[in-house]
Amino acid sequence: MLSTDQAQSVSARIAQRVKRLPKGQPFSIRRFTGLGTKNAVSKAIARLVNRKRSTNPASQ
């Protein structure tokens, strides 16, 4: 199981990589498998999506 610090670093690293993608480009979880476990990556992406939705209600 990952500690909170490790989970945050997975989220931060995924966020950095996503920011470098062209806007609107789809991606899969497999792109981030080297950053953590499949579960950690899935949760990190879900958190990023939820954060984006909460800051931009028009995108829902």
PDB file of N, CA and C in Angstrom:
ATOM      1  N   MET A   1       0.844  -1.181   0.000  1.00  0.00           N
ATOM      2  CA  MET A   1       0.000   0.000   0.000  1.00  0.00           C
ATOM      3  C   MET A   1       0.886   1.239   0.000  1.00  0.00           C
ATOM      4  N   LEU A   2       0.508   2.253  -0.777  1.00  0.00           N
ATOM      5  CA  LEU A   2       1.285   3.479  -0.858  1.00  0.00           C
ATOM      6  C   LEU A   2       0.945   4.408   0.293  1.00  0.00           C
ATOM      7  N   SER A   3       1.952   5.115   0.774  1.00  0.00           N
ATOM      8  CA  SER A   3       1.701   6.111   1.809  1.00  0.00           C
ATOM      9  C   SER A   3       1.089   7.343   1.158  1.00  0.00           C
ATOM     10  N   THR A   4       0.616   8.278   1.979  1.00  0.00           N
ATOM     11  CA  THR A   4       0.022   9.506   1.461  1.00  0.00           C
ATOM     12  C   THR A   4       1.023  10.277   0.617  1.00  0.00           C
ATOM     13  N   ASP A   5       2.281  10.362   1.059  1.00  0.00           N
ATOM     14  CA  ASP A   5       3.301  11.082   0.305  1.00  0.00           C
ATOM     15  C   ASP A   5       3.508  10.468  -1.074  1.00  0.00           C
ATOM     16  N   GLN A   6       3.551   9.151  -1.146  1.00  0.00           N
ATOM     17  CA  GLN A   6       3.747   8.489  -2.427  1.00  0.00           C
ATOM     18  C   GLN A   6       2.543   8.694  -3.334  1.00  0.00           C
ATOM     19  N   ALA A   7       1.344   8.631  -2.781  1.00  0.00           N
ATOM     20  CA  ALA A   7       0.138   8.831  -3.579  1.00  0.00           C
ATOM     21  C   ALA A   7       0.104  10.252  -4.128  1.00  0.00           C
ATOM     22  N   GLN A   8       0.481  11.226  -3.321  1.00  0.00           N
ATOM     23  CA  GLN A   8       0.515  12.606  -3.790  1.00  0.00           C
ATOM     24  C   GLN A   8       1.543  12.772  -4.895  1.00  0.00           C
ATOM     25  N   SER A   9       2.674  12.129  -4.755  1.00  0.00           N
ATOM     26  CA  SER A   9       3.687  12.276  -5.794  1.00  0.00           C
ATOM     27  C   SER A   9       3.230  11.616  -7.097  1.00  0.00           C
ATOM     28  N   VAL A  10       2.497  10.525  -7.009  1.00  0.00           N
ATOM     29  CA  VAL A  10       1.945   9.907  -8.217  1.00  0.00           C
ATOM     30  C   VAL A  10       0.979  10.889  -8.869  1.00  0.00           C
ATOM     31  N   SER A  11       0.106  11.493  -8.093  1.00  0.00           N
ATOM     32  CA  SER A  11      -0.849  12.468  -8.629  1.00  0.00           C
ATOM     33  C   SER A  11      -0.134  13.654  -9.259  1.00  0.00           C
ATOM     34  N   ALA A  12       0.878  14.153  -8.575  1.00  0.00           N
ATOM     35  CA  ALA A  12       1.616  15.310  -9.089  1.00  0.00           C
ATOM     36  C   ALA A  12       2.333  14.975 -10.390  1.00  0.00           C
ATOM     37  N   ARG A  13       2.932  13.792 -10.447  1.00  0.00           N
ATOM     38  CA  ARG A  13       3.648  13.410 -11.668  1.00  0.00           C
ATOM     39  C   ARG A  13       2.688  13.185 -12.828  1.00  0.00           C
ATOM     40  N   ILE A  14       1.534  12.613 -12.549  1.00  0.00           N
ATOM     41  CA  ILE A  14       0.536  12.425 -13.607  1.00  0.00           C
ATOM     42  C   ILE A  14       0.034  13.782 -14.081  1.00  0.00           C
ATOM     43  N   ALA A  15      -0.246  14.678 -13.150  1.00  0.00           N
ATOM     44  CA  ALA A  15      -0.731  16.012 -13.518  1.00  0.00           C
ATOM     45  C   ALA A  15       0.275  16.729 -14.416  1.00  0.00           C
ATOM     46  N   GLN A  16       1.551  16.610 -14.099  1.00  0.00           N
ATOM     47  CA  GLN A  16       2.581  17.246 -14.928  1.00  0.00           C
ATOM     48  C   GLN A  16       2.581  16.672 -16.338  1.00  0.00           C
ATOM     49  N   ARG A  17       2.469  15.364 -16.446  1.00  0.00           N
ATOM     50  CA  ARG A  17       2.474  14.730 -17.773  1.00  0.00           C
ATOM     51  C   ARG A  17       1.226  15.098 -18.566  1.00  0.00           C
ATOM     52  N   VAL A  18       0.075  15.153 -17.895  1.00  0.00           N
ATOM     53  CA  VAL A  18      -1.171  15.494 -18.582  1.00  0.00           C
ATOM     54  C   VAL A  18      -1.106  16.933 -19.085  1.00  0.00           C
ATOM     55  N   LYS A  19      -0.518  17.827 -18.303  1.00  0.00           N
ATOM     56  CA  LYS A  19      -0.408  19.228 -18.727  1.00  0.00           C
ATOM     57  C   LYS A  19       0.410  19.373 -20.000  1.00  0.00           C
ATOM     58  N   ARG A  20       1.340  18.455 -20.231  1.00  0.00           N
ATOM     59  CA  ARG A  20       2.187  18.522 -21.428  1.00  0.00           C
ATOM     60  C   ARG A  20       1.491  17.980 -22.674  1.00  0.00           C
ATOM     61  N   LEU A  21       0.381  17.293 -22.498  1.00  0.00           N
ATOM     62  CA  LEU A  21      -0.354  16.762 -23.651  1.00  0.00           C
ATOM     63  C   LEU A  21      -1.115  17.887 -24.345  1.00  0.00           C
ATOM     64  N   PRO A  22      -1.309  17.776 -25.653  1.00  0.00           N
ATOM     65  CA  PRO A  22      -2.161  18.755 -26.336  1.00  0.00           C
ATOM     66  C   PRO A  22      -3.574  18.712 -25.746  1.00  0.00           C
ATOM     67  N   LYS A  23      -4.184  19.872 -25.605  1.00  0.00           N
ATOM     68  CA  LYS A  23      -5.524  19.954 -25.021  1.00  0.00           C
ATOM     69  C   LYS A  23      -6.493  19.088 -25.821  1.00  0.00           C
ATOM     70  N   GLY A  24      -7.249  18.272 -25.095  1.00  0.00           N
ATOM     71  CA  GLY A  24      -8.249  17.416 -25.712  1.00  0.00           C
ATOM     72  C   GLY A  24      -7.736  16.066 -26.182  1.00  0.00           C
ATOM     73  N   GLN A  25      -6.438  15.825 -26.055  1.00  0.00           N
ATOM     74  CA  GLN A  25      -5.897  14.535 -26.503  1.00  0.00           C
ATOM     75  C   GLN A  25      -6.250  13.447 -25.503  1.00  0.00           C
ATOM     76  N   PRO A  26      -6.883  12.385 -25.956  1.00  0.00           N
ATOM     77  CA  PRO A  26      -7.212  11.287 -25.042  1.00  0.00           C
ATOM     78  C   PRO A  26      -5.953  10.526 -24.624  1.00  0.00           C
ATOM     79  N   PHE A  27      -6.040   9.890 -23.474  1.00  0.00           N
ATOM     80  CA  PHE A  27      -4.931   9.068 -22.993  1.00  0.00           C
ATOM     81  C   PHE A  27      -5.496   7.942 -22.163  1.00  0.00           C
ATOM     82  N   SER A  28      -4.683   6.918 -21.960  1.00  0.00           N
ATOM     83  CA  SER A  28      -5.125   5.792 -21.143  1.00  0.00           C
ATOM     84  C   SER A  28      -4.243   5.685 -19.908  1.00  0.00           C
ATOM     85  N   ILE A  29      -4.703   4.898 -18.974  1.00  0.00           N
ATOM     86  CA  ILE A  29      -3.963   4.670 -17.739  1.00  0.00           C
ATOM     87  C   ILE A  29      -2.609   4.031 -18.038  1.00  0.00           C
ATOM     88  N   ARG A  30      -2.538   3.247 -19.100  1.00  0.00           N
ATOM     89  CA  ARG A  30      -1.274   2.571 -19.448  1.00  0.00           C
ATOM     90  C   ARG A  30      -0.132   3.553 -19.664  1.00  0.00           C
ATOM     91  N   ARG A  31      -0.440   4.765 -20.076  1.00  0.00           N
ATOM     92  CA  ARG A  31       0.590   5.783 -20.293  1.00  0.00           C
ATOM     93  C   ARG A  31       1.361   6.079 -19.003  1.00  0.00           C
ATOM     94  N   PHE A  32       0.739   5.839 -17.851  1.00  0.00           N
ATOM     95  CA  PHE A  32       1.315   6.222 -16.563  1.00  0.00           C
ATOM     96  C   PHE A  32       1.710   5.033 -15.690  1.00  0.00           C
ATOM     97  N   THR A  33       1.775   3.844 -16.260  1.00  0.00           N
ATOM     98  CA  THR A  33       2.035   2.652 -15.446  1.00  0.00           C
ATOM     99  C   THR A  33       3.380   2.681 -14.735  1.00  0.00           C
ATOM    100  N   GLY A  34       4.338   3.399 -15.239  1.00  0.00           N
ATOM    101  CA  GLY A  34       5.638   3.466 -14.588  1.00  0.00           C
ATOM    102  C   GLY A  34       5.663   4.344 -13.354  1.00  0.00           C
ATOM    103  N   LEU A  35       4.572   5.048 -13.084  1.00  0.00           N
ATOM    104  CA  LEU A  35       4.542   5.993 -11.964  1.00  0.00           C
ATOM    105  C   LEU A  35       4.016   5.391 -10.673  1.00  0.00           C
ATOM    106  N   GLY A  36       3.385   4.244 -10.750  1.00  0.00           N
ATOM    107  CA  GLY A  36       2.823   3.610  -9.557  1.00  0.00           C
ATOM    108  C   GLY A  36       2.012   2.397  -9.952  1.00  0.00           C
ATOM    109  N   THR A  37       1.344   1.835  -8.970  1.00  0.00           N
ATOM    110  CA  THR A  37       0.498   0.681  -9.245  1.00  0.00           C
ATOM    111  C   THR A  37      -0.700   1.103 -10.087  1.00  0.00           C
ATOM    112  N   LYS A  38      -1.338   0.140 -10.721  1.00  0.00           N
ATOM    113  CA  LYS A  38      -2.520   0.436 -11.533  1.00  0.00           C
ATOM    114  C   LYS A  38      -3.586   1.120 -10.681  1.00  0.00           C
ATOM    115  N   ASN A  39      -3.754   0.637  -9.459  1.00  0.00           N
ATOM    116  CA  ASN A  39      -4.747   1.209  -8.562  1.00  0.00           C
ATOM    117  C   ASN A  39      -4.405   2.660  -8.204  1.00  0.00           C
ATOM    118  N   ALA A  40      -3.141   2.925  -7.883  1.00  0.00           N
ATOM    119  CA  ALA A  40      -2.720   4.284  -7.523  1.00  0.00           C
ATOM    120  C   ALA A  40      -2.894   5.239  -8.698  1.00  0.00           C
ATOM    121  N   VAL A  41      -2.545   4.778  -9.884  1.00  0.00           N
ATOM    122  CA  VAL A  41      -2.683   5.603 -11.081  1.00  0.00           C
ATOM    123  C   VAL A  41      -4.161   5.873 -11.363  1.00  0.00           C
ATOM    124  N   SER A  42      -4.996   4.856 -11.265  1.00  0.00           N
ATOM    125  CA  SER A  42      -6.439   5.025 -11.496  1.00  0.00           C
ATOM    126  C   SER A  42      -7.038   6.035 -10.534  1.00  0.00           C
ATOM    127  N   LYS A  43      -6.688   5.912  -9.262  1.00  0.00           N
ATOM    128  CA  LYS A  43      -7.216   6.841  -8.259  1.00  0.00           C
ATOM    129  C   LYS A  43      -6.714   8.259  -8.497  1.00  0.00           C
ATOM    130  N   ALA A  44      -5.448   8.395  -8.858  1.00  0.00           N
ATOM    131  CA  ALA A  44      -4.886   9.718  -9.108  1.00  0.00           C
ATOM    132  C   ALA A  44      -5.588  10.392 -10.283  1.00  0.00           C
ATOM    133  N   ILE A  45      -5.833   9.649 -11.351  1.00  0.00           N
ATOM    134  CA  ILE A  45      -6.526  10.214 -12.511  1.00  0.00           C
ATOM    135  C   ILE A  45      -7.964  10.573 -12.148  1.00  0.00           C
ATOM    136  N   ALA A  46      -8.627   9.728 -11.386  1.00  0.00           N
ATOM    137  CA  ALA A  46      -9.998  10.029 -10.954  1.00  0.00           C
ATOM    138  C   ALA A  46     -10.033  11.314 -10.132  1.00  0.00           C
ATOM    139  N   ARG A  47      -9.053  11.485  -9.240  1.00  0.00           N
ATOM    140  CA  ARG A  47      -8.992  12.713  -8.437  1.00  0.00           C
ATOM    141  C   ARG A  47      -8.777  13.936  -9.319  1.00  0.00           C
ATOM    142  N   LEU A  48      -7.895  13.821 -10.305  1.00  0.00           N
ATOM    143  CA  LEU A  48      -7.644  14.946 -11.207  1.00  0.00           C
ATOM    144  C   LEU A  48      -8.898  15.304 -12.001  1.00  0.00           C
ATOM    145  N   VAL A  49      -9.622  14.301 -12.479  1.00  0.00           N
ATOM    146  CA  VAL A  49     -10.857  14.548 -13.226  1.00  0.00           C
ATOM    147  C   VAL A  49     -11.885  15.224 -12.325  1.00  0.00           C
ATOM    148  N   ASN A  50     -12.050  14.720 -11.107  1.00  0.00           N
ATOM    149  CA  ASN A  50     -13.017  15.317 -10.181  1.00  0.00           C
ATOM    150  C   ASN A  50     -12.636  16.743  -9.822  1.00  0.00           C
ATOM    151  N   ARG A  51     -11.347  16.995  -9.652  1.00  0.00           N
ATOM    152  CA  ARG A  51     -10.887  18.351  -9.337  1.00  0.00           C
ATOM    153  C   ARG A  51     -11.193  19.284 -10.500  1.00  0.00           C
ATOM    154  N   LYS A  52     -10.959  18.824 -11.723  1.00  0.00           N
ATOM    155  CA  LYS A  52     -11.233  19.626 -12.912  1.00  0.00           C
ATOM    156  C   LYS A  52     -12.724  19.929 -13.014  1.00  0.00           C
ATOM    157  N   ARG A  53     -13.557  18.935 -12.762  1.00  0.00           N
ATOM    158  CA  ARG A  53     -15.007  19.141 -12.833  1.00  0.00           C
ATOM    159  C   ARG A  53     -15.485  20.129 -11.780  1.00  0.00           C
ATOM    160  N   SER A  54     -14.901  20.080 -10.594  1.00  0.00           N
ATOM    161  CA  SER A  54     -15.350  20.974  -9.526  1.00  0.00           C
ATOM    162  C   SER A  54     -14.894  22.408  -9.762  1.00  0.00           C
ATOM    163  N   THR A  55     -13.807  22.605 -10.512  1.00  0.00           N
ATOM    164  CA  THR A  55     -13.339  23.962 -10.784  1.00  0.00           C
ATOM    165  C   THR A  55     -13.901  24.521 -12.079  1.00  0.00           C
ATOM    166  N   ASN A  56     -14.508  23.665 -12.915  1.00  0.00           N
ATOM    167  CA  ASN A  56     -15.056  24.094 -14.189  1.00  0.00           C
ATOM    168  C   ASN A  56     -16.420  23.444 -14.406  1.00  0.00           C
ATOM    169  N   PRO A  57     -17.456  23.946 -13.713  1.00  0.00           N
ATOM    170  CA  PRO A  57     -18.777  23.314 -13.807  1.00  0.00           C
ATOM    171  C   PRO A  57     -19.351  23.306 -15.224  1.00  0.00           C
ATOM    172  N   ALA A  58     -18.924  24.204 -16.091  1.00  0.00           N
ATOM    173  CA  ALA A  58     -19.450  24.246 -17.456  1.00  0.00           C
ATOM    174  C   ALA A  58     -19.040  23.028 -18.266  1.00  0.00           C
ATOM    175  N   SER A  59     -17.990  22.331 -17.843  1.00  0.00           N
ATOM    176  CA  SER A  59     -17.513  21.177 -18.608  1.00  0.00           C
ATOM    177  C   SER A  59     -18.282  19.904 -18.298  1.00  0.00           C
ATOM    178  N   GLN A  60     -19.244  19.956 -17.411  1.00  0.00           N
ATOM    179  CA  GLN A  60     -19.989  18.747 -17.033  1.00  0.00           C
ATOM    180  C   GLN A  60     -21.088  18.443 -18.004  1.00  0.00           C
TER     181      GLN A  60
END
